[in-house]
Amino acid sequence: QVAQKVGGTLCRGLACDGFNVVQNNGETAGQTVFHFHTHLIPRYSGDGMKITWNHGNPSDDELKEMAVKIKQILG
């Protein structure tokens, strides 16, 4: 809710077309400052900025297996 509110304020104040919300947890995920913080990145149409990752191509069976594990973890 906070990111949405602040992001909306960014869009109005900076006249941007949208924004990315980025939050990294752990060194492997790219975290370099080890406390909780969230990046709100203003975006403009045609800005050429890309936030990408290789999401892989899991099979339906792999996705189902992961869903079962997540359900077990979350109860």
PDB file of N, CA and C in Angstrom:
ATOM      1  N   GLN A   1       0.821  -1.189   0.000  1.00  0.00           N
ATOM      2  CA  GLN A   1       0.000   0.000   0.000  1.00  0.00           C
ATOM      3  C   GLN A   1       0.867   1.256   0.000  1.00  0.00           C
ATOM      4  N   VAL A   2       1.962   1.204   0.758  1.00  0.00           N
ATOM      5  CA  VAL A   2       2.853   2.367   0.808  1.00  0.00           C
ATOM      6  C   VAL A   2       3.493   2.602  -0.549  1.00  0.00           C
ATOM      7  N   ALA A   3       3.998   1.528  -1.179  1.00  0.00           N
ATOM      8  CA  ALA A   3       4.635   1.663  -2.487  1.00  0.00           C
ATOM      9  C   ALA A   3       3.649   2.211  -3.511  1.00  0.00           C
ATOM     10  N   GLN A   4       2.411   1.752  -3.455  1.00  0.00           N
ATOM     11  CA  GLN A   4       1.396   2.231  -4.388  1.00  0.00           C
ATOM     12  C   GLN A   4       1.127   3.723  -4.173  1.00  0.00           C
ATOM     13  N   LYS A   5       1.010   4.137  -2.931  1.00  0.00           N
ATOM     14  CA  LYS A   5       0.744   5.546  -2.626  1.00  0.00           C
ATOM     15  C   LYS A   5       1.920   6.431  -3.033  1.00  0.00           C
ATOM     16  N   VAL A   6       3.134   6.039  -2.638  1.00  0.00           N
ATOM     17  CA  VAL A   6       4.312   6.832  -2.986  1.00  0.00           C
ATOM     18  C   VAL A   6       4.539   6.805  -4.494  1.00  0.00           C
ATOM     19  N   GLY A   7       4.342   5.645  -5.116  1.00  0.00           N
ATOM     20  CA  GLY A   7       4.496   5.546  -6.571  1.00  0.00           C
ATOM     21  C   GLY A   7       3.527   6.446  -7.312  1.00  0.00           C
ATOM     22  N   GLY A   8       2.283   6.493  -6.842  1.00  0.00           N
ATOM     23  CA  GLY A   8       1.304   7.389  -7.456  1.00  0.00           C
ATOM     24  C   GLY A   8       1.721   8.843  -7.330  1.00  0.00           C
ATOM     25  N   THR A   9       2.266   9.194  -6.174  1.00  0.00           N
ATOM     26  CA  THR A   9       2.765  10.557  -5.958  1.00  0.00           C
ATOM     27  C   THR A   9       3.937  10.840  -6.888  1.00  0.00           C
ATOM     28  N   LEU A  10       4.831   9.866  -7.058  1.00  0.00           N
ATOM     29  CA  LEU A  10       5.947  10.017  -7.996  1.00  0.00           C
ATOM     30  C   LEU A  10       5.436  10.294  -9.407  1.00  0.00           C
ATOM     31  N   CYS A  11       4.468   9.500  -9.835  1.00  0.00           N
ATOM     32  CA  CYS A  11       3.941   9.660 -11.194  1.00  0.00           C
ATOM     33  C   CYS A  11       3.350  11.046 -11.401  1.00  0.00           C
ATOM     34  N   ARG A  12       2.604  11.514 -10.431  1.00  0.00           N
ATOM     35  CA  ARG A  12       2.017  12.856 -10.563  1.00  0.00           C
ATOM     36  C   ARG A  12       3.096  13.935 -10.518  1.00  0.00           C
ATOM     37  N   GLY A  13       4.021  13.827  -9.571  1.00  0.00           N
ATOM     38  CA  GLY A  13       5.033  14.860  -9.384  1.00  0.00           C
ATOM     39  C   GLY A  13       6.095  14.890 -10.459  1.00  0.00           C
ATOM     40  N   LEU A  14       6.426  13.721 -10.998  1.00  0.00           N
ATOM     41  CA  LEU A  14       7.482  13.636 -12.008  1.00  0.00           C
ATOM     42  C   LEU A  14       6.934  13.457 -13.419  1.00  0.00           C
ATOM     43  N   ALA A  15       5.632  13.396 -13.539  1.00  0.00           N
ATOM     44  CA  ALA A  15       4.973  13.182 -14.831  1.00  0.00           C
ATOM     45  C   ALA A  15       5.505  11.931 -15.529  1.00  0.00           C
ATOM     46  N   CYS A  16       5.770  10.878 -14.738  1.00  0.00           N
ATOM     47  CA  CYS A  16       6.227   9.631 -15.349  1.00  0.00           C
ATOM     48  C   CYS A  16       5.007   8.794 -15.730  1.00  0.00           C
ATOM     49  N   ASP A  17       5.244   7.820 -16.598  1.00  0.00           N
ATOM     50  CA  ASP A  17       4.154   6.993 -17.121  1.00  0.00           C
ATOM     51  C   ASP A  17       3.858   5.780 -16.245  1.00  0.00           C
ATOM     52  N   GLY A  18       4.769   5.451 -15.362  1.00  0.00           N
ATOM     53  CA  GLY A  18       4.619   4.311 -14.478  1.00  0.00           C
ATOM     54  C   GLY A  18       5.839   4.210 -13.598  1.00  0.00           C
ATOM     55  N   PHE A  19       5.939   3.116 -12.842  1.00  0.00           N
ATOM     56  CA  PHE A  19       7.109   2.919 -11.996  1.00  0.00           C
ATOM     57  C   PHE A  19       7.291   1.438 -11.720  1.00  0.00           C
ATOM     58  N   ASN A  20       8.550   1.061 -11.480  1.00  0.00           N
ATOM     59  CA  ASN A  20       8.872  -0.293 -11.055  1.00  0.00           C
ATOM     60  C   ASN A  20       9.082  -0.286  -9.552  1.00  0.00           C
ATOM     61  N   VAL A  21       8.666  -1.371  -8.917  1.00  0.00           N
ATOM     62  CA  VAL A  21       8.928  -1.591  -7.500  1.00  0.00           C
ATOM     63  C   VAL A  21       9.923  -2.745  -7.432  1.00  0.00           C
ATOM     64  N   VAL A  22      11.094  -2.499  -6.830  1.00  0.00           N
ATOM     65  CA  VAL A  22      12.133  -3.516  -6.760  1.00  0.00           C
ATOM     66  C   VAL A  22      12.558  -3.675  -5.301  1.00  0.00           C
ATOM     67  N   GLN A  23      12.625  -4.915  -4.843  1.00  0.00           N
ATOM     68  CA  GLN A  23      13.065  -5.198  -3.482  1.00  0.00           C
ATOM     69  C   GLN A  23      13.855  -6.492  -3.525  1.00  0.00           C
ATOM     70  N   ASN A  24      15.120  -6.443  -3.127  1.00  0.00           N
ATOM     71  CA  ASN A  24      15.996  -7.615  -3.161  1.00  0.00           C
ATOM     72  C   ASN A  24      16.203  -8.153  -1.751  1.00  0.00           C
ATOM     73  N   ASN A  25      16.166  -9.455  -1.596  1.00  0.00           N
ATOM     74  CA  ASN A  25      16.402 -10.104  -0.306  1.00  0.00           C
ATOM     75  C   ASN A  25      17.569 -11.063  -0.411  1.00  0.00           C
ATOM     76  N   GLY A  26      18.651 -10.763   0.269  1.00  0.00           N
ATOM     77  CA  GLY A  26      19.822 -11.639   0.289  1.00  0.00           C
ATOM     78  C   GLY A  26      20.820 -11.294  -0.803  1.00  0.00           C
ATOM     79  N   GLU A  27      22.072 -11.581  -0.513  1.00  0.00           N
ATOM     80  CA  GLU A  27      23.163 -11.249  -1.434  1.00  0.00           C
ATOM     81  C   GLU A  27      22.965 -11.892  -2.806  1.00  0.00           C
ATOM     82  N   THR A  28      22.504 -13.138  -2.826  1.00  0.00           N
ATOM     83  CA  THR A  28      22.299 -13.838  -4.089  1.00  0.00           C
ATOM     84  C   THR A  28      21.267 -13.127  -4.953  1.00  0.00           C
ATOM     85  N   ALA A  29      20.320 -12.451  -4.324  1.00  0.00           N
ATOM     86  CA  ALA A  29      19.276 -11.726  -5.053  1.00  0.00           C
ATOM     87  C   ALA A  29      19.703 -10.309  -5.424  1.00  0.00           C
ATOM     88  N   GLY A  30      20.924  -9.929  -5.085  1.00  0.00           N
ATOM     89  CA  GLY A  30      21.414  -8.608  -5.449  1.00  0.00           C
ATOM     90  C   GLY A  30      21.338  -7.570  -4.338  1.00  0.00           C
ATOM     91  N   GLN A  31      20.991  -7.994  -3.129  1.00  0.00           N
ATOM     92  CA  GLN A  31      20.920  -7.044  -2.015  1.00  0.00           C
ATOM     93  C   GLN A  31      22.330  -6.637  -1.618  1.00  0.00           C
ATOM     94  N   THR A  32      22.570  -5.337  -1.526  1.00  0.00           N
ATOM     95  CA  THR A  32      23.882  -4.830  -1.121  1.00  0.00           C
ATOM     96  C   THR A  32      23.811  -4.010   0.158  1.00  0.00           C
ATOM     97  N   VAL A  33      22.634  -3.562   0.523  1.00  0.00           N
ATOM     98  CA  VAL A  33      22.415  -2.836   1.771  1.00  0.00           C
ATOM     99  C   VAL A  33      21.511  -3.731   2.612  1.00  0.00           C
ATOM    100  N   PHE A  34      22.004  -4.210   3.739  1.00  0.00           N
ATOM    101  CA  PHE A  34      21.327  -5.293   4.436  1.00  0.00           C
ATOM    102  C   PHE A  34      20.352  -4.817   5.509  1.00  0.00           C
ATOM    103  N   HIS A  35      19.388  -4.081   5.050  1.00  0.00           N
ATOM    104  CA  HIS A  35      18.177  -3.781   5.806  1.00  0.00           C
ATOM    105  C   HIS A  35      17.054  -3.697   4.777  1.00  0.00           C
ATOM    106  N   PHE A  36      15.821  -3.761   5.225  1.00  0.00           N
ATOM    107  CA  PHE A  36      14.706  -3.725   4.285  1.00  0.00           C
ATOM    108  C   PHE A  36      14.592  -2.351   3.656  1.00  0.00           C
ATOM    109  N   HIS A  37      14.553  -2.311   2.370  1.00  0.00           N
ATOM    110  CA  HIS A  37      14.244  -1.083   1.641  1.00  0.00           C
ATOM    111  C   HIS A  37      13.692  -1.465   0.270  1.00  0.00           C
ATOM    112  N   THR A  38      12.926  -0.578  -0.276  1.00  0.00           N
ATOM    113  CA  THR A  38      12.267  -0.803  -1.562  1.00  0.00           C
ATOM    114  C   THR A  38      12.643   0.320  -2.506  1.00  0.00           C
ATOM    115  N   HIS A  39      12.922  -0.029  -3.744  1.00  0.00           N
ATOM    116  CA  HIS A  39      13.233   0.956  -4.770  1.00  0.00           C
ATOM    117  C   HIS A  39      11.969   1.232  -5.584  1.00  0.00           C
ATOM    118  N   LEU A  40      11.613   2.487  -5.722  1.00  0.00           N
ATOM    119  CA  LEU A  40      10.536   2.898  -6.624  1.00  0.00           C
ATOM    120  C   LEU A  40      11.216   3.652  -7.759  1.00  0.00           C
ATOM    121  N   ILE A  41      11.161   3.077  -8.943  1.00  0.00           N
ATOM    122  CA  ILE A  41      11.906   3.615 -10.082  1.00  0.00           C
ATOM    123  C   ILE A  41      10.932   4.233 -11.071  1.00  0.00           C
ATOM    124  N   PRO A  42      10.956   5.565 -11.211  1.00  0.00           N
ATOM    125  CA  PRO A  42      10.061   6.217 -12.177  1.00  0.00           C
ATOM    126  C   PRO A  42      10.386   5.742 -13.589  1.00  0.00           C
ATOM    127  N   ARG A  43       9.353   5.528 -14.393  1.00  0.00           N
ATOM    128  CA  ARG A  43       9.536   5.053 -15.763  1.00  0.00           C
ATOM    129  C   ARG A  43       8.808   5.955 -16.735  1.00  0.00           C
ATOM    130  N   TYR A  44       9.419   6.145 -17.881  1.00  0.00           N
ATOM    131  CA  TYR A  44       8.880   6.990 -18.934  1.00  0.00           C
ATOM    132  C   TYR A  44       8.799   6.189 -20.223  1.00  0.00           C
ATOM    133  N   SER A  45       7.760   6.379 -20.971  1.00  0.00           N
ATOM    134  CA  SER A  45       7.597   5.688 -22.241  1.00  0.00           C
ATOM    135  C   SER A  45       8.828   5.917 -23.104  1.00  0.00           C
ATOM    136  N   GLY A  46       9.408   4.822 -23.600  1.00  0.00           N
ATOM    137  CA  GLY A  46      10.574   4.920 -24.477  1.00  0.00           C
ATOM    138  C   GLY A  46      11.880   5.183 -23.747  1.00  0.00           C
ATOM    139  N   ASP A  47      11.918   5.033 -22.409  1.00  0.00           N
ATOM    140  CA  ASP A  47      13.143   5.347 -21.666  1.00  0.00           C
ATOM    141  C   ASP A  47      14.252   4.324 -21.895  1.00  0.00           C
ATOM    142  N   GLY A  48      13.931   3.193 -22.489  1.00  0.00           N
ATOM    143  CA  GLY A  48      14.940   2.192 -22.826  1.00  0.00           C
ATOM    144  C   GLY A  48      15.443   1.384 -21.643  1.00  0.00           C
ATOM    145  N   MET A  49      14.969   1.673 -20.453  1.00  0.00           N
ATOM    146  CA  MET A  49      15.419   0.942 -19.273  1.00  0.00           C
ATOM    147  C   MET A  49      14.757  -0.426 -19.230  1.00  0.00           C
ATOM    148  N   LYS A  50      15.530  -1.435 -18.907  1.00  0.00           N
ATOM    149  CA  LYS A  50      15.009  -2.797 -18.823  1.00  0.00           C
ATOM    150  C   LYS A  50      15.400  -3.396 -17.483  1.00  0.00           C
ATOM    151  N   ILE A  51      14.437  -3.947 -16.783  1.00  0.00           N
ATOM    152  CA  ILE A  51      14.704  -4.735 -15.588  1.00  0.00           C
ATOM    153  C   ILE A  51      14.356  -6.156 -15.980  1.00  0.00           C
ATOM    154  N   THR A  52      15.381  -6.990 -16.127  1.00  0.00           N
ATOM    155  CA  THR A  52      15.154  -8.328 -16.677  1.00  0.00           C
ATOM    156  C   THR A  52      15.779  -9.396 -15.797  1.00  0.00           C
ATOM    157  N   TRP A  53      15.333 -10.596 -15.979  1.00  0.00           N
ATOM    158  CA  TRP A  53      15.930 -11.773 -15.384  1.00  0.00           C
ATOM    159  C   TRP A  53      15.548 -12.953 -16.251  1.00  0.00           C
ATOM    160  N   ASN A  54      16.321 -14.002 -16.151  1.00  0.00           N
ATOM    161  CA  ASN A  54      16.032 -15.216 -16.901  1.00  0.00           C
ATOM    162  C   ASN A  54      15.055 -16.043 -16.071  1.00  0.00           C
ATOM    163  N   HIS A  55      13.802 -16.015 -16.439  1.00  0.00           N
ATOM    164  CA  HIS A  55      12.773 -16.688 -15.663  1.00  0.00           C
ATOM    165  C   HIS A  55      12.697 -18.181 -15.952  1.00  0.00           C
ATOM    166  N   GLY A  56      13.492 -18.650 -16.890  1.00  0.00           N
ATOM    167  CA  GLY A  56      13.492 -20.072 -17.212  1.00  0.00           C
ATOM    168  C   GLY A  56      12.207 -20.481 -17.905  1.00  0.00           C
ATOM    169  N   ASN A  57      12.033 -21.776 -18.042  1.00  0.00           N
ATOM    170  CA  ASN A  57      10.856 -22.311 -18.712  1.00  0.00           C
ATOM    171  C   ASN A  57      10.442 -23.605 -18.015  1.00  0.00           C
ATOM    172  N   PRO A  58       9.928 -23.485 -16.768  1.00  0.00           N
ATOM    173  CA  PRO A  58       9.569 -24.700 -16.039  1.00  0.00           C
ATOM    174  C   PRO A  58       8.389 -25.417 -16.694  1.00  0.00           C
ATOM    175  N   SER A  59       8.398 -26.725 -16.563  1.00  0.00           N
ATOM    176  CA  SER A  59       7.286 -27.521 -17.095  1.00  0.00           C
ATOM    177  C   SER A  59       6.074 -27.358 -16.184  1.00  0.00           C
ATOM    178  N   ASP A  60       4.927 -27.778 -16.665  1.00  0.00           N
ATOM    179  CA  ASP A  60       3.711 -27.739 -15.852  1.00  0.00           C
ATOM    180  C   ASP A  60       3.895 -28.568 -14.579  1.00  0.00           C
ATOM    181  N   ASP A  61       4.556 -29.711 -14.699  1.00  0.00           N
ATOM    182  CA  ASP A  61       4.800 -30.572 -13.532  1.00  0.00           C
ATOM    183  C   ASP A  61       5.686 -29.867 -12.499  1.00  0.00           C
ATOM    184  N   GLU A  62       6.726 -29.173 -12.968  1.00  0.00           N
ATOM    185  CA  GLU A  62       7.608 -28.443 -12.052  1.00  0.00           C
ATOM    186  C   GLU A  62       6.855 -27.318 -11.345  1.00  0.00           C
ATOM    187  N   LEU A  63       5.996 -26.629 -12.076  1.00  0.00           N
ATOM    188  CA  LEU A  63       5.197 -25.561 -11.472  1.00  0.00           C
ATOM    189  C   LEU A  63       4.231 -26.119 -10.430  1.00  0.00           C
ATOM    190  N   LYS A  64       3.605 -27.244 -10.743  1.00  0.00           N
ATOM    191  CA  LYS A  64       2.687 -27.879  -9.792  1.00  0.00           C
ATOM    192  C   LYS A  64       3.432 -28.319  -8.542  1.00  0.00           C
ATOM    193  N   GLU A  65       4.618 -28.882  -8.716  1.00  0.00           N
ATOM    194  CA  GLU A  65       5.429 -29.331  -7.583  1.00  0.00           C
ATOM    195  C   GLU A  65       5.804 -28.141  -6.688  1.00  0.00           C
ATOM    196  N   MET A  66       6.185 -27.027  -7.296  1.00  0.00           N
ATOM    197  CA  MET A  66       6.530 -25.838  -6.528  1.00  0.00           C
ATOM    198  C   MET A  66       5.307 -25.296  -5.799  1.00  0.00           C
ATOM    199  N   ALA A  67       4.150 -25.325  -6.447  1.00  0.00           N
ATOM    200  CA  ALA A  67       2.919 -24.857  -5.809  1.00  0.00           C
ATOM    201  C   ALA A  67       2.598 -25.685  -4.568  1.00  0.00           C
ATOM    202  N   VAL A  68       2.790 -26.994  -4.662  1.00  0.00           N
ATOM    203  CA  VAL A  68       2.552 -27.876  -3.509  1.00  0.00           C
ATOM    204  C   VAL A  68       3.503 -27.528  -2.380  1.00  0.00           C
ATOM    205  N   LYS A  69       4.785 -27.319  -2.690  1.00  0.00           N
ATOM    206  CA  LYS A  69       5.768 -26.968  -1.665  1.00  0.00           C
ATOM    207  C   LYS A  69       5.411 -25.641  -0.980  1.00  0.00           C
ATOM    208  N   ILE A  70       5.015 -24.659  -1.779  1.00  0.00           N
ATOM    209  CA  ILE A  70       4.656 -23.349  -1.220  1.00  0.00           C
ATOM    210  C   ILE A  70       3.442 -23.470  -0.307  1.00  0.00           C
ATOM    211  N   LYS A  71       2.440 -24.234  -0.748  1.00  0.00           N
ATOM    212  CA  LYS A  71       1.243 -24.444   0.091  1.00  0.00           C
ATOM    213  C   LYS A  71       1.612 -25.102   1.395  1.00  0.00           C
ATOM    214  N   GLN A  72       2.542 -26.071   1.356  1.00  0.00           N
ATOM    215  CA  GLN A  72       2.970 -26.752   2.575  1.00  0.00           C
ATOM    216  C   GLN A  72       3.683 -25.786   3.519  1.00  0.00           C
ATOM    217  N   ILE A  73       4.527 -24.949   2.965  1.00  0.00           N
ATOM    218  CA  ILE A  73       5.292 -23.981   3.770  1.00  0.00           C
ATOM    219  C   ILE A  73       4.351 -22.975   4.425  1.00  0.00           C
ATOM    220  N   LEU A  74       3.372 -22.502   3.657  1.00  0.00           N
ATOM    221  CA  LEU A  74       2.466 -21.462   4.151  1.00  0.00           C
ATOM    222  C   LEU A  74       1.338 -22.013   4.995  1.00  0.00           C
ATOM    223  N   GLY A  75       1.148 -23.316   4.928  1.00  0.00           N
ATOM    224  CA  GLY A  75       0.109 -23.944   5.747  1.00  0.00           C
ATOM    225  C   GLY A  75      -1.211 -23.796   5.119  1.00  0.00           C
TER     226      GLY A  75
END
